[in-house]
């Protein structure tokens, strides 16, 4: 859907990979899972924000927003979509 809209998509296989490939690139949006093995999504966002001021983020997870907020991984009011989702 995003690439069909004319956006350039860069796919990272991990948070560490995302940090390494974001160097020397213009990044407007981070679409990230909330819970990942090496670093959680909010920590990845904070690290990327240092080099990409104005970076937007959309988090996704198979957990509900209430569960994630309750465990302190995300705070209320963030942009969040629950997996699985469709374009429709």
PDB file of N, CA and C in Angstrom:
ATOM      1  N   UNK A   1       0.823  -1.192   0.000  1.00  0.00           N
ATOM      2  CA  UNK A   1       0.000   0.000   0.000  1.00  0.00           C
ATOM      3  C   UNK A   1       0.871   1.261   0.000  1.00  0.00           C
ATOM      4  N   UNK A   2       1.885   1.288   0.846  1.00  0.00           N
ATOM      5  CA  UNK A   2       2.741   2.476   0.916  1.00  0.00           C
ATOM      6  C   UNK A   2       3.555   2.656  -0.354  1.00  0.00           C
ATOM      7  N   UNK A   3       4.131   1.589  -0.857  1.00  0.00           N
ATOM      8  CA  UNK A   3       4.925   1.710  -2.087  1.00  0.00           C
ATOM      9  C   UNK A   3       4.032   2.033  -3.282  1.00  0.00           C
ATOM     10  N   UNK A   4       2.792   1.534  -3.284  1.00  0.00           N
ATOM     11  CA  UNK A   4       1.852   1.877  -4.351  1.00  0.00           C
ATOM     12  C   UNK A   4       1.463   3.353  -4.313  1.00  0.00           C
ATOM     13  N   UNK A   5       1.669   3.981  -3.175  1.00  0.00           N
ATOM     14  CA  UNK A   5       1.393   5.415  -3.039  1.00  0.00           C
ATOM     15  C   UNK A   5       2.600   6.267  -3.422  1.00  0.00           C
ATOM     16  N   UNK A   6       3.661   5.622  -3.889  1.00  0.00           N
ATOM     17  CA  UNK A   6       4.843   6.352  -4.339  1.00  0.00           C
ATOM     18  C   UNK A   6       5.905   6.553  -3.278  1.00  0.00           C
ATOM     19  N   UNK A   7       5.736   5.936  -2.123  1.00  0.00           N
ATOM     20  CA  UNK A   7       6.722   6.093  -1.051  1.00  0.00           C
ATOM     21  C   UNK A   7       7.844   5.072  -1.194  1.00  0.00           C
ATOM     22  N   UNK A   8       9.043   5.466  -0.807  1.00  0.00           N
ATOM     23  CA  UNK A   8      10.175   4.545  -0.798  1.00  0.00           C
ATOM     24  C   UNK A   8      10.151   3.787   0.528  1.00  0.00           C
ATOM     25  N   UNK A   9      10.189   2.480   0.448  1.00  0.00           N
ATOM     26  CA  UNK A   9      10.130   1.629   1.632  1.00  0.00           C
ATOM     27  C   UNK A   9      11.503   1.001   1.853  1.00  0.00           C
ATOM     28  N   UNK A  10      11.976   1.055   3.080  1.00  0.00           N
ATOM     29  CA  UNK A  10      13.217   0.391   3.461  1.00  0.00           C
ATOM     30  C   UNK A  10      12.857  -0.584   4.575  1.00  0.00           C
ATOM     31  N   UNK A  11      13.194  -1.846   4.376  1.00  0.00           N
ATOM     32  CA  UNK A  11      12.820  -2.885   5.336  1.00  0.00           C
ATOM     33  C   UNK A  11      14.042  -3.320   6.127  1.00  0.00           C
ATOM     34  N   UNK A  12      13.893  -3.323   7.438  1.00  0.00           N
ATOM     35  CA  UNK A  12      14.957  -3.791   8.332  1.00  0.00           C
ATOM     36  C   UNK A  12      14.487  -5.075   9.002  1.00  0.00           C
ATOM     37  N   UNK A  13      15.415  -5.984   9.231  1.00  0.00           N
ATOM     38  CA  UNK A  13      15.063  -7.263   9.847  1.00  0.00           C
ATOM     39  C   UNK A  13      15.148  -7.233  11.367  1.00  0.00           C
ATOM     40  N   UNK A  14      15.684  -6.140  11.922  1.00  0.00           N
ATOM     41  CA  UNK A  14      15.785  -6.003  13.376  1.00  0.00           C
ATOM     42  C   UNK A  14      15.960  -4.526  13.710  1.00  0.00           C
ATOM     43  N   UNK A  15      15.881  -4.214  14.983  1.00  0.00           N
ATOM     44  CA  UNK A  15      16.075  -2.830  15.416  1.00  0.00           C
ATOM     45  C   UNK A  15      17.501  -2.366  15.142  1.00  0.00           C
ATOM     46  N   UNK A  16      18.465  -3.215  15.407  1.00  0.00           N
ATOM     47  CA  UNK A  16      19.868  -2.866  15.162  1.00  0.00           C
ATOM     48  C   UNK A  16      20.091  -2.650  13.663  1.00  0.00           C
ATOM     49  N   UNK A  17      19.496  -3.484  12.843  1.00  0.00           N
ATOM     50  CA  UNK A  17      19.596  -3.326  11.394  1.00  0.00           C
ATOM     51  C   UNK A  17      18.964  -2.001  10.972  1.00  0.00           C
ATOM     52  N   UNK A  18      17.826  -1.654  11.543  1.00  0.00           N
ATOM     53  CA  UNK A  18      17.161  -0.381  11.221  1.00  0.00           C
ATOM     54  C   UNK A  18      18.071   0.801  11.535  1.00  0.00           C
ATOM     55  N   UNK A  19      18.750   0.751  12.667  1.00  0.00           N
ATOM     56  CA  UNK A  19      19.665   1.834  13.032  1.00  0.00           C
ATOM     57  C   UNK A  19      20.817   1.937  12.030  1.00  0.00           C
ATOM     58  N   UNK A  20      21.342   0.800  11.614  1.00  0.00           N
ATOM     59  CA  UNK A  20      22.496   0.840  10.707  1.00  0.00           C
ATOM     60  C   UNK A  20      22.112   1.286   9.307  1.00  0.00           C
ATOM     61  N   UNK A  21      20.951   0.883   8.802  1.00  0.00           N
ATOM     62  CA  UNK A  21      20.592   1.262   7.430  1.00  0.00           C
ATOM     63  C   UNK A  21      19.960   2.643   7.343  1.00  0.00           C
ATOM     64  N   UNK A  22      19.616   3.231   8.474  1.00  0.00           N
ATOM     65  CA  UNK A  22      18.999   4.559   8.435  1.00  0.00           C
ATOM     66  C   UNK A  22      20.035   5.667   8.242  1.00  0.00           C
ATOM     67  N   UNK A  23      21.303   5.341   8.440  1.00  0.00           N
ATOM     68  CA  UNK A  23      22.364   6.340   8.221  1.00  0.00           C
ATOM     69  C   UNK A  23      22.342   6.774   6.766  1.00  0.00           C
ATOM     70  N   UNK A  24      22.532   8.049   6.554  1.00  0.00           N
ATOM     71  CA  UNK A  24      22.590   8.618   5.204  1.00  0.00           C
ATOM     72  C   UNK A  24      21.300   8.436   4.417  1.00  0.00           C
ATOM     73  N   UNK A  25      20.181   8.274   5.092  1.00  0.00           N
ATOM     74  CA  UNK A  25      18.882   8.174   4.434  1.00  0.00           C
ATOM     75  C   UNK A  25      17.942   9.191   5.070  1.00  0.00           C
ATOM     76  N   UNK A  26      17.010   9.649   4.279  1.00  0.00           N
ATOM     77  CA  UNK A  26      15.947  10.502   4.804  1.00  0.00           C
ATOM     78  C   UNK A  26      14.819   9.580   5.246  1.00  0.00           C
ATOM     79  N   UNK A  27      14.438   9.671   6.516  1.00  0.00           N
ATOM     80  CA  UNK A  27      13.392   8.805   7.060  1.00  0.00           C
ATOM     81  C   UNK A  27      12.267   9.686   7.594  1.00  0.00           C
ATOM     82  N   UNK A  28      11.054   9.475   7.074  1.00  0.00           N
ATOM     83  CA  UNK A  28       9.883  10.239   7.506  1.00  0.00           C
ATOM     84  C   UNK A  28       9.022   9.493   8.511  1.00  0.00           C
ATOM     85  N   UNK A  29       8.952   8.153   8.357  1.00  0.00           N
ATOM     86  CA  UNK A  29       8.029   7.352   9.155  1.00  0.00           C
ATOM     87  C   UNK A  29       8.688   6.049   9.558  1.00  0.00           C
ATOM     88  N   UNK A  30       8.544   5.707  10.819  1.00  0.00           N
ATOM     89  CA  UNK A  30       8.960   4.404  11.332  1.00  0.00           C
ATOM     90  C   UNK A  30       7.700   3.597  11.595  1.00  0.00           C
ATOM     91  N   UNK A  31       7.581   2.451  10.958  1.00  0.00           N
ATOM     92  CA  UNK A  31       6.513   1.491  11.238  1.00  0.00           C
ATOM     93  C   UNK A  31       7.191   0.351  11.963  1.00  0.00           C
ATOM     94  N   UNK A  32       6.901   0.203  13.239  1.00  0.00           N
ATOM     95  CA  UNK A  32       7.660  -0.725  14.075  1.00  0.00           C
ATOM     96  C   UNK A  32       6.764  -1.555  14.974  1.00  0.00           C
ATOM     97  N   UNK A  33       7.162  -2.794  15.166  1.00  0.00           N
ATOM     98  CA  UNK A  33       6.533  -3.608  16.188  1.00  0.00           C
ATOM     99  C   UNK A  33       6.886  -2.986  17.534  1.00  0.00           C
ATOM    100  N   UNK A  34       6.035  -3.166  18.511  1.00  0.00           N
ATOM    101  CA  UNK A  34       6.292  -2.610  19.840  1.00  0.00           C
ATOM    102  C   UNK A  34       7.324  -3.444  20.576  1.00  0.00           C
ATOM    103  N   UNK A  35       7.156  -4.762  20.549  1.00  0.00           N
ATOM    104  CA  UNK A  35       8.026  -5.656  21.305  1.00  0.00           C
ATOM    105  C   UNK A  35       8.892  -6.432  20.332  1.00  0.00           C
ATOM    106  N   UNK A  36      10.213  -6.260  20.490  1.00  0.00           N
ATOM    107  CA  UNK A  36      11.189  -6.938  19.634  1.00  0.00           C
ATOM    108  C   UNK A  36      12.323  -7.455  20.511  1.00  0.00           C
ATOM    109  N   UNK A  37      13.096  -8.424  20.019  1.00  0.00           N
ATOM    110  CA  UNK A  37      14.135  -9.039  20.856  1.00  0.00           C
ATOM    111  C   UNK A  37      15.255  -8.103  21.314  1.00  0.00           C
ATOM    112  N   UNK A  38      15.817  -7.304  20.415  1.00  0.00           N
ATOM    113  CA  UNK A  38      17.006  -6.527  20.758  1.00  0.00           C
ATOM    114  C   UNK A  38      16.698  -5.214  21.458  1.00  0.00           C
ATOM    115  N   UNK A  39      15.582  -4.619  21.090  1.00  0.00           N
ATOM    116  CA  UNK A  39      15.224  -3.285  21.574  1.00  0.00           C
ATOM    117  C   UNK A  39      13.751  -3.099  21.260  1.00  0.00           C
ATOM    118  N   UNK A  40      12.997  -2.483  22.144  1.00  0.00           N
ATOM    119  CA  UNK A  40      11.574  -2.304  21.841  1.00  0.00           C
ATOM    120  C   UNK A  40      11.364  -1.137  20.872  1.00  0.00           C
ATOM    121  N   UNK A  41      10.179  -1.070  20.312  1.00  0.00           N
ATOM    122  CA  UNK A  41       9.859  -0.047  19.329  1.00  0.00           C
ATOM    123  C   UNK A  41      10.044   1.377  19.821  1.00  0.00           C
ATOM    124  N   UNK A  42       9.553   1.717  21.021  1.00  0.00           N
ATOM    125  CA  UNK A  42       9.757   3.082  21.521  1.00  0.00           C
ATOM    126  C   UNK A  42      11.235   3.454  21.678  1.00  0.00           C
ATOM    127  N   UNK A  43      12.070   2.512  22.110  1.00  0.00           N
ATOM    128  CA  UNK A  43      13.505   2.801  22.226  1.00  0.00           C
ATOM    129  C   UNK A  43      14.132   3.011  20.849  1.00  0.00           C
ATOM    130  N   UNK A  44      13.715   2.193  19.872  1.00  0.00           N
ATOM    131  CA  UNK A  44      14.198   2.366  18.505  1.00  0.00           C
ATOM    132  C   UNK A  44      13.803   3.739  17.979  1.00  0.00           C
ATOM    133  N   UNK A  45      12.562   4.125  18.208  1.00  0.00           N
ATOM    134  CA  UNK A  45      12.091   5.440  17.767  1.00  0.00           C
ATOM    135  C   UNK A  45      12.927   6.562  18.368  1.00  0.00           C
ATOM    136  N   UNK A  46      13.190   6.491  19.671  1.00  0.00           N
ATOM    137  CA  UNK A  46      13.978   7.528  20.339  1.00  0.00           C
ATOM    138  C   UNK A  46      15.387   7.615  19.759  1.00  0.00           C
ATOM    139  N   UNK A  47      15.975   6.469  19.453  1.00  0.00           N
ATOM    140  CA  UNK A  47      17.323   6.457  18.863  1.00  0.00           C
ATOM    141  C   UNK A  47      17.304   7.061  17.462  1.00  0.00           C
ATOM    142  N   UNK A  48      16.307   6.693  16.644  1.00  0.00           N
ATOM    143  CA  UNK A  48      16.206   7.220  15.284  1.00  0.00           C
ATOM    144  C   UNK A  48      15.888   8.711  15.269  1.00  0.00           C
ATOM    145  N   UNK A  49      15.115   9.156  16.238  1.00  0.00           N
ATOM    146  CA  UNK A  49      14.710  10.559  16.320  1.00  0.00           C
ATOM    147  C   UNK A  49      15.920  11.485  16.470  1.00  0.00           C
ATOM    148  N   UNK A  50      16.978  10.989  17.087  1.00  0.00           N
ATOM    149  CA  UNK A  50      18.197  11.788  17.249  1.00  0.00           C
ATOM    150  C   UNK A  50      18.762  12.230  15.894  1.00  0.00           C
ATOM    151  N   UNK A  51      18.722  11.350  14.909  1.00  0.00           N
ATOM    152  CA  UNK A  51      19.273  11.647  13.581  1.00  0.00           C
ATOM    153  C   UNK A  51      18.218  12.070  12.569  1.00  0.00           C
ATOM    154  N   UNK A  52      16.949  11.916  12.935  1.00  0.00           N
ATOM    155  CA  UNK A  52      15.851  12.220  12.008  1.00  0.00           C
ATOM    156  C   UNK A  52      14.784  13.057  12.728  1.00  0.00           C
ATOM    157  N   UNK A  53      15.087  14.335  12.992  1.00  0.00           N
ATOM    158  CA  UNK A  53      14.114  15.189  13.674  1.00  0.00           C
ATOM    159  C   UNK A  53      12.798  15.227  12.897  1.00  0.00           C
ATOM    160  N   UNK A  54      11.705  15.203  13.607  1.00  0.00           N
ATOM    161  CA  UNK A  54      10.396  15.228  12.962  1.00  0.00           C
ATOM    162  C   UNK A  54       9.904  13.863  12.541  1.00  0.00           C
ATOM    163  N   UNK A  55      10.659  12.815  12.849  1.00  0.00           N
ATOM    164  CA  UNK A  55      10.273  11.450  12.499  1.00  0.00           C
ATOM    165  C   UNK A  55       8.926  11.100  13.114  1.00  0.00           C
ATOM    166  N   UNK A  56       8.042  10.558  12.311  1.00  0.00           N
ATOM    167  CA  UNK A  56       6.742  10.073  12.780  1.00  0.00           C
ATOM    168  C   UNK A  56       6.868   8.575  13.050  1.00  0.00           C
ATOM    169  N   UNK A  57       5.981   8.047  13.890  1.00  0.00           N
ATOM    170  CA  UNK A  57       6.027   6.618  14.194  1.00  0.00           C
ATOM    171  C   UNK A  57       4.617   6.046  14.259  1.00  0.00           C
ATOM    172  N   UNK A  58       4.484   4.824  13.767  1.00  0.00           N
ATOM    173  CA  UNK A  58       3.259   4.044  13.888  1.00  0.00           C
ATOM    174  C   UNK A  58       3.675   2.691  14.436  1.00  0.00           C
ATOM    175  N   UNK A  59       3.173   2.367  15.620  1.00  0.00           N
ATOM    176  CA  UNK A  59       3.500   1.092  16.249  1.00  0.00           C
ATOM    177  C   UNK A  59       2.450   0.059  15.895  1.00  0.00           C
ATOM    178  N   UNK A  60       2.884  -1.200  15.885  1.00  0.00           N
ATOM    179  CA  UNK A  60       1.963  -2.305  15.673  1.00  0.00           C
ATOM    180  C   UNK A  60       2.327  -3.431  16.634  1.00  0.00           C
ATOM    181  N   UNK A  61       1.324  -4.244  16.946  1.00  0.00           N
ATOM    182  CA  UNK A  61       1.555  -5.392  17.816  1.00  0.00           C
ATOM    183  C   UNK A  61       0.367  -6.325  17.732  1.00  0.00           C
ATOM    184  N   UNK A  62       0.606  -7.577  18.070  1.00  0.00           N
ATOM    185  CA  UNK A  62      -0.504  -8.518  18.173  1.00  0.00           C
ATOM    186  C   UNK A  62      -1.170  -8.412  19.545  1.00  0.00           C
ATOM    187  N   UNK A  63      -0.524  -7.728  20.477  1.00  0.00           N
ATOM    188  CA  UNK A  63      -1.136  -7.451  21.777  1.00  0.00           C
ATOM    189  C   UNK A  63      -2.085  -6.270  21.635  1.00  0.00           C
ATOM    190  N   UNK A  64      -3.082  -6.199  22.488  1.00  0.00           N
ATOM    191  CA  UNK A  64      -3.994  -5.059  22.446  1.00  0.00           C
ATOM    192  C   UNK A  64      -3.304  -3.826  23.030  1.00  0.00           C
ATOM    193  N   UNK A  65      -3.793  -2.670  22.656  1.00  0.00           N
ATOM    194  CA  UNK A  65      -3.248  -1.416  23.160  1.00  0.00           C
ATOM    195  C   UNK A  65      -3.299  -1.388  24.689  1.00  0.00           C
ATOM    196  N   UNK A  66      -4.377  -1.862  25.283  1.00  0.00           N
ATOM    197  CA  UNK A  66      -4.512  -1.845  26.749  1.00  0.00           C
ATOM    198  C   UNK A  66      -3.429  -2.676  27.428  1.00  0.00           C
ATOM    199  N   UNK A  67      -3.115  -3.847  26.871  1.00  0.00           N
ATOM    200  CA  UNK A  67      -2.085  -4.703  27.456  1.00  0.00           C
ATOM    201  C   UNK A  67      -0.727  -4.022  27.386  1.00  0.00           C
ATOM    202  N   UNK A  68      -0.416  -3.424  26.250  1.00  0.00           N
ATOM    203  CA  UNK A  68       0.888  -2.784  26.069  1.00  0.00           C
ATOM    204  C   UNK A  68       1.027  -1.569  26.975  1.00  0.00           C
ATOM    205  N   UNK A  69       0.002  -0.759  27.071  1.00  0.00           N
ATOM    206  CA  UNK A  69       0.041   0.407  27.954  1.00  0.00           C
ATOM    207  C   UNK A  69       0.146  -0.038  29.402  1.00  0.00           C
ATOM    208  N   UNK A  70      -0.620  -1.069  29.776  1.00  0.00           N
ATOM    209  CA  UNK A  70      -0.609  -1.569  31.152  1.00  0.00           C
ATOM    210  C   UNK A  70       0.784  -2.050  31.566  1.00  0.00           C
ATOM    211  N   UNK A  71       1.527  -2.657  30.652  1.00  0.00           N
ATOM    212  CA  UNK A  71       2.872  -3.151  30.970  1.00  0.00           C
ATOM    213  C   UNK A  71       3.951  -2.089  30.793  1.00  0.00           C
ATOM    214  N   UNK A  72       3.553  -0.860  30.475  1.00  0.00           N
ATOM    215  CA  UNK A  72       4.489   0.239  30.430  1.00  0.00           C
ATOM    216  C   UNK A  72       5.364   0.308  29.190  1.00  0.00           C
ATOM    217  N   UNK A  73       5.016  -0.448  28.149  1.00  0.00           N
ATOM    218  CA  UNK A  73       5.820  -0.402  26.931  1.00  0.00           C
ATOM    219  C   UNK A  73       5.452   0.822  26.103  1.00  0.00           C
ATOM    220  N   UNK A  74       4.171   1.157  26.063  1.00  0.00           N
ATOM    221  CA  UNK A  74       3.692   2.352  25.370  1.00  0.00           C
ATOM    222  C   UNK A  74       2.870   3.176  26.332  1.00  0.00           C
ATOM    223  N   UNK A  75       2.751   4.427  26.045  1.00  0.00           N
ATOM    224  CA  UNK A  75       1.882   5.294  26.817  1.00  0.00           C
ATOM    225  C   UNK A  75       0.619   5.537  26.007  1.00  0.00           C
ATOM    226  N   UNK A  76      -0.454   5.924  26.662  1.00  0.00           N
ATOM    227  CA  UNK A  76      -1.713   6.165  25.982  1.00  0.00           C
ATOM    228  C   UNK A  76      -1.609   7.280  24.962  1.00  0.00           C
ATOM    229  N   UNK A  77      -2.411   7.199  23.920  1.00  0.00           N
ATOM    230  CA  UNK A  77      -2.474   8.255  22.925  1.00  0.00           C
ATOM    231  C   UNK A  77      -1.472   8.145  21.796  1.00  0.00           C
ATOM    232  N   UNK A  78      -0.660   7.066  21.744  1.00  0.00           N
ATOM    233  CA  UNK A  78       0.281   6.913  20.639  1.00  0.00           C
ATOM    234  C   UNK A  78      -0.423   6.306  19.438  1.00  0.00           C
ATOM    235  N   UNK A  79       0.183   6.435  18.265  1.00  0.00           N
ATOM    236  CA  UNK A  79      -0.362   5.841  17.050  1.00  0.00           C
ATOM    237  C   UNK A  79      -0.061   4.353  17.057  1.00  0.00           C
ATOM    238  N   UNK A  80      -1.121   3.531  17.055  1.00  0.00           N
ATOM    239  CA  UNK A  80      -0.980   2.098  17.253  1.00  0.00           C
ATOM    240  C   UNK A  80      -2.007   1.356  16.416  1.00  0.00           C
ATOM    241  N   UNK A  81      -1.564   0.294  15.728  1.00  0.00           N
ATOM    242  CA  UNK A  81      -2.500  -0.601  15.033  1.00  0.00           C
ATOM    243  C   UNK A  81      -2.249  -2.027  15.512  1.00  0.00           C
ATOM    244  N   UNK A  82      -3.320  -2.765  15.624  1.00  0.00           N
ATOM    245  CA  UNK A  82      -3.239  -4.140  16.102  1.00  0.00           C
ATOM    246  C   UNK A  82      -3.051  -5.083  14.924  1.00  0.00           C
ATOM    247  N   UNK A  83      -2.071  -5.978  15.021  1.00  0.00           N
ATOM    248  CA  UNK A  83      -1.889  -7.015  14.003  1.00  0.00           C
ATOM    249  C   UNK A  83      -2.993  -8.050  14.187  1.00  0.00           C
ATOM    250  N   UNK A  84      -3.460  -8.656  13.255  1.00  0.00           N
ATOM    251  CA  UNK A  84      -3.216  -8.483  11.850  1.00  0.00           C
ATOM    252  C   UNK A  84      -4.158  -7.416  11.303  1.00  0.00           C
ATOM    253  N   UNK A  85      -3.731  -6.786  10.246  1.00  0.00           N
ATOM    254  CA  UNK A  85      -4.528  -5.712   9.647  1.00  0.00           C
ATOM    255  C   UNK A  85      -4.488  -5.863   8.143  1.00  0.00           C
ATOM    256  N   UNK A  86      -5.427  -5.227   7.478  1.00  0.00           N
ATOM    257  CA  UNK A  86      -5.484  -5.265   6.024  1.00  0.00           C
ATOM    258  C   UNK A  86      -5.538  -3.840   5.485  1.00  0.00           C
ATOM    259  N   UNK A  87      -5.339  -3.716   4.208  1.00  0.00           N
ATOM    260  CA  UNK A  87      -5.389  -2.407   3.553  1.00  0.00           C
ATOM    261  C   UNK A  87      -6.822  -1.925   3.402  1.00  0.00           C
ATOM    262  N   UNK A  88      -7.746  -2.826   3.288  1.00  0.00           N
ATOM    263  CA  UNK A  88      -9.157  -2.461   3.043  1.00  0.00           C
ATOM    264  C   UNK A  88      -9.639  -1.565   4.102  1.00  0.00           C
TER     265      UNK A  88
END
